[in-house]
Amino acid sequence: MNGTDSLWKKSFAGLTLFLVILGASLFLPARSLHYWQAWVFLGVFSVANTIITVYFLKKDPALIERRLQAGPRAEKEKSQKIIQAFASIFFIELILFPGIDHRFGWSHLPVYMVLAGDALVAIGLSIVFRVFKENSYTSSIIEVGKGQQVISTGPYRIIRHPMYAGALLMLFGIPLGLGSAWGLLLFIPLMAAIVWRLINEERYLSINLAGYIEYCAKTRYRLIPRIF
């Protein structure tokens, strides 16, 4: 098996395992498969991530290889290990809680709000896809790759962290897509963890990536134009 075949196999094995765990995390807390919101969300999320994975396996396999290293243990900076640990906990809670909400019937979101949540998930992932196309060095961990340069084109012309902006849009859409109004409360600590991560990341890049300080001076906003 050559390196390309190995990367395809590894990528799809990881994606399949993640989607199986995600499905279990949706339906087990609900104690029912009669949870149409979860089926629609799982379909949207699975299709979008499969498209992204296939595209970059063909066009930029190095990006996929870099992104296979993820999670607190993969981080090299101690501060990022801590941040990632908190973010992982909050993400798990964001996924698990809507099933409990569905089981006990605490939320009663109309269909259009559920579908709007799924649309936010799709839009958020499309932004992430656009960022990946613009910046091949987008890694799952905080590091500076060999030959890496500051990217200031595409979405990076508008804000400094477009991938996090897309991720936050997706994460906000998840509880809505799963029919859980109360689940939106769990988005708040996850958003705080991501903001904490990007501020810490900027400190690291200012020291380790040539030209990043100048880029920050030119592109003032981190996540939301004219706000933050």
C-alpha atoms as a PDB file:
ATOM      1  CA  MET A   1       0.000   0.000   0.000  1.00  0.00           C
ATOM      2  CA  ASN A   2       1.512   3.364  -1.036  1.00  0.00           C
ATOM      3  CA  GLY A   3       1.377   6.541   1.051  1.00  0.00           C
ATOM      4  CA  THR A   4      -1.653   7.951  -0.758  1.00  0.00           C
ATOM      5  CA  ASP A   5      -3.722   4.793  -0.280  1.00  0.00           C
ATOM      6  CA  SER A   6      -2.683   4.667   3.370  1.00  0.00           C
ATOM      7  CA  LEU A   7      -3.794   8.271   3.913  1.00  0.00           C
ATOM      8  CA  TRP A   8      -7.181   7.595   2.283  1.00  0.00           C
ATOM      9  CA  LYS A   9      -7.657   4.513   4.450  1.00  0.00           C
ATOM     10  CA  LYS A  10      -6.591   6.296   7.622  1.00  0.00           C
ATOM     11  CA  SER A  11      -8.747   9.349   6.874  1.00  0.00           C
ATOM     12  CA  PHE A  12     -11.918   7.385   6.177  1.00  0.00           C
ATOM     13  CA  ALA A  13     -11.356   5.026   9.083  1.00  0.00           C
ATOM     14  CA  GLY A  14     -11.087   8.055  11.372  1.00  0.00           C
ATOM     15  CA  LEU A  15     -14.093   9.792   9.805  1.00  0.00           C
ATOM     16  CA  THR A  16     -16.231   6.640   9.973  1.00  0.00           C
ATOM     17  CA  LEU A  17     -15.339   6.040  13.616  1.00  0.00           C
ATOM     18  CA  PHE A  18     -16.103   9.666  14.469  1.00  0.00           C
ATOM     19  CA  LEU A  19     -19.488   9.542  12.732  1.00  0.00           C
ATOM     20  CA  VAL A  20     -20.416   6.260  14.464  1.00  0.00           C
ATOM     21  CA  ILE A  21     -19.509   7.755  17.852  1.00  0.00           C
ATOM     22  CA  LEU A  22     -21.409  10.935  16.939  1.00  0.00           C
ATOM     23  CA  GLY A  23     -24.510   8.924  16.033  1.00  0.00           C
ATOM     24  CA  ALA A  24     -24.343   6.966  19.273  1.00  0.00           C
ATOM     25  CA  SER A  25     -23.936  10.231  21.197  1.00  0.00           C
ATOM     26  CA  LEU A  26     -27.122  11.548  19.617  1.00  0.00           C
ATOM     27  CA  PHE A  27     -29.415   8.532  19.888  1.00  0.00           C
ATOM     28  CA  LEU A  28     -28.307   6.836  23.112  1.00  0.00           C
ATOM     29  CA  PRO A  29     -29.156   9.823  25.359  1.00  0.00           C
ATOM     30  CA  ALA A  30     -32.486  10.145  23.519  1.00  0.00           C
ATOM     31  CA  ARG A  31     -33.107   6.408  24.057  1.00  0.00           C
ATOM     32  CA  SER A  32     -34.888   6.345  20.736  1.00  0.00           C
ATOM     33  CA  LEU A  33     -34.227   6.207  17.022  1.00  0.00           C
ATOM     34  CA  HIS A  34     -37.411   8.235  16.482  1.00  0.00           C
ATOM     35  CA  TYR A  35     -35.480  11.477  16.552  1.00  0.00           C
ATOM     36  CA  TRP A  36     -35.811  12.985  13.092  1.00  0.00           C
ATOM     37  CA  GLN A  37     -33.836  16.101  14.004  1.00  0.00           C
ATOM     38  CA  ALA A  38     -30.792  13.955  14.786  1.00  0.00           C
ATOM     39  CA  TRP A  39     -31.123  12.016  11.522  1.00  0.00           C
ATOM     40  CA  VAL A  40     -31.238  15.217   9.456  1.00  0.00           C
ATOM     41  CA  PHE A  41     -28.326  16.767  11.333  1.00  0.00           C
ATOM     42  CA  LEU A  42     -26.265  13.583  11.036  1.00  0.00           C
ATOM     43  CA  GLY A  43     -26.957  13.476   7.303  1.00  0.00           C
ATOM     44  CA  VAL A  44     -25.936  17.113   6.758  1.00  0.00           C
ATOM     45  CA  PHE A  45     -22.818  16.778   8.907  1.00  0.00           C
ATOM     46  CA  SER A  46     -21.744  13.456   7.386  1.00  0.00           C
ATOM     47  CA  VAL A  47     -22.203  14.526   3.772  1.00  0.00           C
ATOM     48  CA  ALA A  48     -20.401  17.846   4.287  1.00  0.00           C
ATOM     49  CA  ASN A  49     -17.430  16.269   6.063  1.00  0.00           C
ATOM     50  CA  THR A  50     -17.176  13.475   3.495  1.00  0.00           C
ATOM     51  CA  ILE A  51     -17.103  16.012   0.645  1.00  0.00           C
ATOM     52  CA  ILE A  52     -14.426  18.062   2.426  1.00  0.00           C
ATOM     53  CA  THR A  53     -12.336  14.962   3.127  1.00  0.00           C
ATOM     54  CA  VAL A  54     -12.522  13.603  -0.435  1.00  0.00           C
ATOM     55  CA  TYR A  55     -11.774  17.000  -1.977  1.00  0.00           C
ATOM     56  CA  PHE A  56      -8.617  17.595   0.036  1.00  0.00           C
ATOM     57  CA  LEU A  57      -7.409  14.013  -0.206  1.00  0.00           C
ATOM     58  CA  LYS A  58      -7.357  14.665  -3.956  1.00  0.00           C
ATOM     59  CA  LYS A  59      -6.235  18.307  -4.000  1.00  0.00           C
ATOM     60  CA  ASP A  60      -4.153  18.762  -0.837  1.00  0.00           C
ATOM     61  CA  PRO A  61      -3.366  15.499   0.977  1.00  0.00           C
ATOM     62  CA  ALA A  62      -0.727  17.272   3.106  1.00  0.00           C
ATOM     63  CA  LEU A  63      -3.493  19.310   4.733  1.00  0.00           C
ATOM     64  CA  ILE A  64      -5.429  16.146   5.594  1.00  0.00           C
ATOM     65  CA  GLU A  65      -2.294  14.559   7.001  1.00  0.00           C
ATOM     66  CA  ARG A  66      -1.680  17.574   9.239  1.00  0.00           C
ATOM     67  CA  ARG A  67      -5.280  17.580  10.434  1.00  0.00           C
ATOM     68  CA  LEU A  68      -5.185  13.921  11.451  1.00  0.00           C
ATOM     69  CA  GLN A  69      -3.230  15.069  14.500  1.00  0.00           C
ATOM     70  CA  ALA A  70      -5.874  16.493  16.781  1.00  0.00           C
ATOM     71  CA  GLY A  71      -6.975  16.750  20.380  1.00  0.00           C
ATOM     72  CA  PRO A  72      -5.312  17.767  23.641  1.00  0.00           C
ATOM     73  CA  ARG A  73      -2.614  15.093  23.485  1.00  0.00           C
ATOM     74  CA  ALA A  74      -1.480  16.191  20.029  1.00  0.00           C
ATOM     75  CA  GLU A  75      -0.947  19.797  21.121  1.00  0.00           C
ATOM     76  CA  LYS A  76       2.670  20.818  21.738  1.00  0.00           C
ATOM     77  CA  GLU A  77       1.956  23.863  23.926  1.00  0.00           C
ATOM     78  CA  LYS A  78       0.875  23.140  27.513  1.00  0.00           C
ATOM     79  CA  SER A  79      -1.627  26.006  27.488  1.00  0.00           C
ATOM     80  CA  GLN A  80      -3.265  24.615  24.354  1.00  0.00           C
ATOM     81  CA  LYS A  81      -3.484  21.144  25.890  1.00  0.00           C
ATOM     82  CA  ILE A  82      -5.527  22.661  28.723  1.00  0.00           C
ATOM     83  CA  ILE A  83      -7.685  24.745  26.384  1.00  0.00           C
ATOM     84  CA  GLN A  84      -8.337  21.783  24.101  1.00  0.00           C
ATOM     85  CA  ALA A  85      -9.284  19.606  27.078  1.00  0.00           C
ATOM     86  CA  PHE A  86     -11.945  22.121  28.139  1.00  0.00           C
ATOM     87  CA  ALA A  87     -13.152  22.587  24.554  1.00  0.00           C
ATOM     88  CA  SER A  88     -13.479  18.816  24.108  1.00  0.00           C
ATOM     89  CA  ILE A  89     -15.573  18.504  27.271  1.00  0.00           C
ATOM     90  CA  PHE A  90     -17.873  21.344  26.208  1.00  0.00           C
ATOM     91  CA  PHE A  91     -18.244  19.888  22.698  1.00  0.00           C
ATOM     92  CA  ILE A  92     -19.207  16.483  24.085  1.00  0.00           C
ATOM     93  CA  GLU A  93     -21.804  18.151  26.316  1.00  0.00           C
ATOM     94  CA  LEU A  94     -23.146  20.115  23.338  1.00  0.00           C
ATOM     95  CA  ILE A  95     -23.683  16.852  21.450  1.00  0.00           C
ATOM     96  CA  LEU A  96     -25.042  14.746  24.332  1.00  0.00           C
ATOM     97  CA  PHE A  97     -27.495  17.189  25.884  1.00  0.00           C
ATOM     98  CA  PRO A  98     -29.944  17.599  22.953  1.00  0.00           C
ATOM     99  CA  GLY A  99     -30.704  13.856  23.065  1.00  0.00           C
ATOM    100  CA  ILE A 100     -31.586  14.161  26.763  1.00  0.00           C
ATOM    101  CA  ASP A 101     -33.656  17.237  25.933  1.00  0.00           C
ATOM    102  CA  HIS A 102     -35.487  15.251  23.227  1.00  0.00           C
ATOM    103  CA  ARG A 103     -36.066  12.340  25.574  1.00  0.00           C
ATOM    104  CA  PHE A 104     -37.770  14.474  28.232  1.00  0.00           C
ATOM    105  CA  GLY A 105     -39.407  16.928  25.824  1.00  0.00           C
ATOM    106  CA  TRP A 106     -38.010  20.108  27.357  1.00  0.00           C
ATOM    107  CA  SER A 107     -37.727  22.015  24.065  1.00  0.00           C
ATOM    108  CA  HIS A 108     -40.327  22.484  21.359  1.00  0.00           C
ATOM    109  CA  LEU A 109     -38.624  24.164  18.425  1.00  0.00           C
ATOM    110  CA  PRO A 110     -40.606  24.624  15.201  1.00  0.00           C
ATOM    111  CA  VAL A 111     -39.435  22.798  12.103  1.00  0.00           C
ATOM    112  CA  TYR A 112     -38.156  25.977  10.439  1.00  0.00           C
ATOM    113  CA  MET A 113     -35.799  26.676  13.369  1.00  0.00           C
ATOM    114  CA  VAL A 114     -34.462  23.119  13.271  1.00  0.00           C
ATOM    115  CA  LEU A 115     -33.808  23.408   9.541  1.00  0.00           C
ATOM    116  CA  ALA A 116     -32.239  26.843  10.081  1.00  0.00           C
ATOM    117  CA  GLY A 117     -29.855  25.183  12.540  1.00  0.00           C
ATOM    118  CA  ASP A 118     -28.910  22.579   9.941  1.00  0.00           C
ATOM    119  CA  ALA A 119     -28.362  25.395   7.430  1.00  0.00           C
ATOM    120  CA  LEU A 120     -25.987  27.088   9.885  1.00  0.00           C
ATOM    121  CA  VAL A 121     -24.087  23.819  10.236  1.00  0.00           C
ATOM    122  CA  ALA A 122     -23.747  23.570   6.456  1.00  0.00           C
ATOM    123  CA  ILE A 123     -22.743  27.236   6.084  1.00  0.00           C
ATOM    124  CA  GLY A 124     -20.210  26.956   8.908  1.00  0.00           C
ATOM    125  CA  LEU A 125     -18.616  23.901   7.295  1.00  0.00           C
ATOM    126  CA  SER A 126     -18.557  25.637   3.900  1.00  0.00           C
ATOM    127  CA  ILE A 127     -16.602  28.501   5.493  1.00  0.00           C
ATOM    128  CA  VAL A 128     -14.156  25.983   6.957  1.00  0.00           C
ATOM    129  CA  PHE A 129     -13.842  24.427   3.489  1.00  0.00           C
ATOM    130  CA  ARG A 130     -13.050  27.850   1.997  1.00  0.00           C
ATOM    131  CA  VAL A 131     -10.403  28.442   4.669  1.00  0.00           C
ATOM    132  CA  PHE A 132      -8.772  25.089   3.945  1.00  0.00           C
ATOM    133  CA  LYS A 133      -8.567  26.009   0.247  1.00  0.00           C
ATOM    134  CA  GLU A 134      -6.910  29.315   1.090  1.00  0.00           C
ATOM    135  CA  ASN A 135      -4.516  28.068   3.752  1.00  0.00           C
ATOM    136  CA  SER A 136      -2.915  24.659   3.316  1.00  0.00           C
ATOM    137  CA  TYR A 137      -1.138  25.067   6.662  1.00  0.00           C
ATOM    138  CA  THR A 138      -4.411  25.015   8.617  1.00  0.00           C
ATOM    139  CA  SER A 139      -3.624  22.433  11.285  1.00  0.00           C
ATOM    140  CA  SER A 140      -5.711  20.932  14.081  1.00  0.00           C
ATOM    141  CA  ILE A 141      -2.984  21.874  16.549  1.00  0.00           C
ATOM    142  CA  ILE A 142      -1.102  25.107  17.169  1.00  0.00           C
ATOM    143  CA  GLU A 143       2.186  24.911  15.300  1.00  0.00           C
ATOM    144  CA  VAL A 144       4.179  26.614  12.550  1.00  0.00           C
ATOM    145  CA  GLY A 145       5.021  24.302   9.674  1.00  0.00           C
ATOM    146  CA  LYS A 146       8.195  24.353   7.634  1.00  0.00           C
ATOM    147  CA  GLY A 147       7.961  27.065   5.003  1.00  0.00           C
ATOM    148  CA  GLN A 148       4.709  28.419   6.452  1.00  0.00           C
ATOM    149  CA  GLN A 149       3.871  32.029   5.618  1.00  0.00           C
ATOM    150  CA  VAL A 150       1.206  34.441   6.769  1.00  0.00           C
ATOM    151  CA  ILE A 151      -1.974  34.119   4.692  1.00  0.00           C
ATOM    152  CA  SER A 152      -3.774  37.432   4.154  1.00  0.00           C
ATOM    153  CA  THR A 153      -5.931  36.599   1.137  1.00  0.00           C
ATOM    154  CA  GLY A 154      -9.499  35.329   0.778  1.00  0.00           C
ATOM    155  CA  PRO A 155     -11.388  35.242   4.090  1.00  0.00           C
ATOM    156  CA  TYR A 156      -8.161  36.181   5.896  1.00  0.00           C
ATOM    157  CA  ARG A 157      -8.492  39.671   4.400  1.00  0.00           C
ATOM    158  CA  ILE A 158     -11.638  40.200   6.455  1.00  0.00           C
ATOM    159  CA  ILE A 159     -10.879  38.540   9.805  1.00  0.00           C
ATOM    160  CA  ARG A 160      -7.828  36.859  11.308  1.00  0.00           C
ATOM    161  CA  HIS A 161      -9.551  33.594  12.278  1.00  0.00           C
ATOM    162  CA  PRO A 162     -12.142  32.712   9.618  1.00  0.00           C
ATOM    163  CA  MET A 163     -11.941  28.986  10.432  1.00  0.00           C
ATOM    164  CA  TYR A 164     -12.973  29.616  14.032  1.00  0.00           C
ATOM    165  CA  ALA A 165     -15.746  31.903  12.795  1.00  0.00           C
ATOM    166  CA  GLY A 166     -17.072  29.098  10.598  1.00  0.00           C
ATOM    167  CA  ALA A 167     -16.702  26.583  13.424  1.00  0.00           C
ATOM    168  CA  LEU A 168     -18.637  28.820  15.826  1.00  0.00           C
ATOM    169  CA  LEU A 169     -21.425  29.239  13.285  1.00  0.00           C
ATOM    170  CA  MET A 170     -21.597  25.455  12.937  1.00  0.00           C
ATOM    171  CA  LEU A 171     -21.521  24.893  16.706  1.00  0.00           C
ATOM    172  CA  PHE A 172     -24.314  27.420  17.247  1.00  0.00           C
ATOM    173  CA  GLY A 173     -26.391  25.580  14.652  1.00  0.00           C
ATOM    174  CA  ILE A 174     -25.917  22.133  16.213  1.00  0.00           C
ATOM    175  CA  PRO A 175     -28.336  22.438  19.183  1.00  0.00           C
ATOM    176  CA  LEU A 176     -30.884  24.172  16.953  1.00  0.00           C
ATOM    177  CA  GLY A 177     -30.542  21.452  14.334  1.00  0.00           C
ATOM    178  CA  LEU A 178     -31.056  18.876  17.075  1.00  0.00           C
ATOM    179  CA  GLY A 179     -34.196  20.637  18.273  1.00  0.00           C
ATOM    180  CA  SER A 180     -32.770  21.777  21.603  1.00  0.00           C
ATOM    181  CA  ALA A 181     -33.294  25.387  22.671  1.00  0.00           C
ATOM    182  CA  TRP A 182     -31.730  24.653  26.070  1.00  0.00           C
ATOM    183  CA  GLY A 183     -28.699  23.234  24.330  1.00  0.00           C
ATOM    184  CA  LEU A 184     -27.815  26.747  23.173  1.00  0.00           C
ATOM    185  CA  LEU A 185     -26.670  27.468  26.723  1.00  0.00           C
ATOM    186  CA  LEU A 186     -23.862  24.939  26.251  1.00  0.00           C
ATOM    187  CA  PHE A 187     -22.641  26.900  23.237  1.00  0.00           C
ATOM    188  CA  ILE A 188     -21.554  29.737  25.541  1.00  0.00           C
ATOM    189  CA  PRO A 189     -18.675  27.969  27.367  1.00  0.00           C
ATOM    190  CA  LEU A 190     -17.570  26.352  24.096  1.00  0.00           C
ATOM    191  CA  MET A 191     -17.432  29.763  22.435  1.00  0.00           C
ATOM    192  CA  ALA A 192     -15.409  31.072  25.394  1.00  0.00           C
ATOM    193  CA  ALA A 193     -12.951  28.181  25.028  1.00  0.00           C
ATOM    194  CA  ILE A 194     -12.503  28.914  21.312  1.00  0.00           C
ATOM    195  CA  VAL A 195     -11.914  32.623  21.956  1.00  0.00           C
ATOM    196  CA  TRP A 196      -9.404  31.655  24.656  1.00  0.00           C
ATOM    197  CA  ARG A 197      -7.707  29.335  22.151  1.00  0.00           C
ATOM    198  CA  LEU A 198      -7.411  31.905  19.379  1.00  0.00           C
ATOM    199  CA  ILE A 199      -6.025  34.604  21.690  1.00  0.00           C
ATOM    200  CA  ASN A 200      -3.430  32.132  22.954  1.00  0.00           C
ATOM    201  CA  GLU A 201      -2.728  31.089  19.360  1.00  0.00           C
ATOM    202  CA  GLU A 202      -2.099  34.703  18.361  1.00  0.00           C
ATOM    203  CA  ARG A 203       0.526  35.039  21.088  1.00  0.00           C
ATOM    204  CA  TYR A 204       2.271  31.937  19.762  1.00  0.00           C
ATOM    205  CA  LEU A 205       2.127  33.031  16.121  1.00  0.00           C
ATOM    206  CA  SER A 206       3.350  36.547  16.953  1.00  0.00           C
ATOM    207  CA  ILE A 207       6.536  34.964  18.295  1.00  0.00           C
ATOM    208  CA  ASN A 208       6.989  32.093  15.862  1.00  0.00           C
ATOM    209  CA  LEU A 209       5.560  33.197  12.495  1.00  0.00           C
ATOM    210  CA  ALA A 210       7.366  35.966  10.631  1.00  0.00           C
ATOM    211  CA  GLY A 211       5.059  38.783   9.543  1.00  0.00           C
ATOM    212  CA  TYR A 212       2.159  37.816  11.801  1.00  0.00           C
ATOM    213  CA  ILE A 213       2.370  40.958  13.963  1.00  0.00           C
ATOM    214  CA  GLU A 214       2.199  43.113  10.831  1.00  0.00           C
ATOM    215  CA  TYR A 215      -0.750  41.078   9.580  1.00  0.00           C
ATOM    216  CA  CYS A 216      -2.616  41.657  12.867  1.00  0.00           C
ATOM    217  CA  ALA A 217      -2.017  45.392  12.581  1.00  0.00           C
ATOM    218  CA  LYS A 218      -3.473  45.360   9.068  1.00  0.00           C
ATOM    219  CA  THR A 219      -6.398  42.996   9.732  1.00  0.00           C
ATOM    220  CA  ARG A 220      -7.859  44.361  12.947  1.00  0.00           C
ATOM    221  CA  TYR A 221     -10.728  42.001  13.699  1.00  0.00           C
ATOM    222  CA  ARG A 222     -10.429  38.419  14.906  1.00  0.00           C
ATOM    223  CA  LEU A 223     -13.869  36.863  14.388  1.00  0.00           C
ATOM    224  CA  ILE A 224     -16.550  39.443  13.576  1.00  0.00           C
ATOM    225  CA  PRO A 225     -15.840  42.495  11.407  1.00  0.00           C
ATOM    226  CA  ARG A 226     -16.180  45.801  13.285  1.00  0.00           C
ATOM    227  CA  ILE A 227     -17.014  43.984  16.522  1.00  0.00           C
ATOM    228  CA  PHE A 228     -14.225  41.596  17.599  1.00  0.00           C
END
